[in-house]
Protein backbone atom coordinates (compact mmCIF):
# COMPACT_ATOMS: atom_id res chain seq x y z
CA MET A 1 -39.48 11.22 4.16
CA LYS A 2 -36.97 8.48 4.84
CA ASN A 3 -34.75 9.78 2.01
CA VAL A 4 -34.80 13.26 3.53
CA THR A 5 -33.90 11.85 6.96
CA ASP A 6 -31.09 9.76 5.48
CA SER A 7 -29.76 12.82 3.66
CA CYS A 8 -29.79 14.88 6.85
CA ILE A 9 -28.01 12.15 8.78
CA PHE A 10 -25.42 11.91 6.00
CA LEU A 11 -24.78 15.68 6.13
CA VAL A 12 -24.54 15.67 9.92
CA HIS A 13 -21.91 12.91 9.82
CA TRP A 14 -19.97 14.38 6.90
CA PRO A 15 -17.50 16.48 8.99
CA SER A 16 -16.64 13.54 11.20
CA ALA A 17 -16.02 11.45 8.09
CA GLY A 18 -13.58 14.14 6.95
CA SER A 19 -11.94 14.14 10.37
CA PHE A 20 -11.67 10.39 10.22
CA GLY A 21 -9.99 10.71 6.83
CA ASP A 22 -7.56 13.27 8.33
CA LEU A 23 -6.85 10.82 11.16
CA LEU A 24 -6.10 8.11 8.63
CA ASP A 25 -3.83 10.43 6.67
CA ASN A 26 -1.96 11.40 9.83
CA ARG A 27 -1.61 7.75 10.82
CA LYS A 28 -0.35 6.89 7.34
CA GLN A 29 2.25 9.67 7.51
CA ARG A 30 3.45 8.52 10.95
CA ILE A 31 3.78 4.96 9.68
CA LEU A 32 5.68 6.08 6.57
CA ASN A 33 7.99 8.25 8.69
CA THR A 34 8.62 5.36 11.04
CA ILE A 35 9.48 3.11 8.10
CA ARG A 36 11.86 5.74 6.65
CA ASN A 37 13.54 6.22 10.02
CA SER A 38 13.87 2.47 10.47
CA GLU A 39 15.42 2.09 7.03
CA GLU A 40 17.93 4.86 7.82
CA LEU A 41 18.82 3.26 11.15
CA ARG A 42 19.24 -0.10 9.40
CA ARG A 43 21.53 1.47 6.79
CA LYS A 44 23.67 3.07 9.49
CA ALA A 45 23.81 -0.19 11.46
CA ILE A 46 24.97 -2.08 8.36
CA GLU A 47 27.69 0.54 7.77
CA GLN A 48 28.88 0.20 11.36
CA LEU A 49 28.84 -3.59 11.10
CA GLU A 50 30.92 -3.50 7.91
CA LYS A 51 33.45 -1.17 9.56
CA ALA A 52 33.62 -3.39 12.62
CA ARG A 53 34.16 -6.48 10.45
CA ALA A 54 36.97 -4.70 8.57
CA ARG A 55 38.64 -3.73 11.88
CA LEU A 56 38.25 -7.28 13.18
CA LYS A 57 39.83 -8.70 10.04
CA LYS A 58 42.75 -6.27 10.36
CA VAL A 59 43.27 -7.15 14.03
CA GLU A 60 43.09 -10.89 13.25
CA MET A 61 45.74 -10.46 10.54
CA GLU A 62 47.98 -8.50 12.92
CA ALA A 63 47.51 -11.18 15.59
CA ASP A 64 48.47 -13.90 13.09
CA GLN A 65 51.60 -11.94 12.12
CA PHE A 66 52.51 -11.50 15.77
CA ARG A 67 52.03 -15.22 16.49
CA ASN A 68 54.12 -16.17 13.45
CA GLN A 69 56.97 -13.94 14.65
CA TRP A 70 57.15 -15.79 17.96
CA ILE A 71 56.82 -19.28 16.49
CA PHE A 72 59.82 -18.96 14.15
């Protein structure tokens, strides 16, 4: 009788176990999407930083040239 009761309880809880699995899948997808978005934002930030460094270097060189013109 206990086996029959256990089987019935298992079948009653089966749909919620499936729903729980769906919840885990949804959570996993949200986490993966967040990671992908973060990686894309990081890539764009690195690009912007590299461009800013290049502009800074150019401006520093121009400033050095300007200073040298006034010293001599």
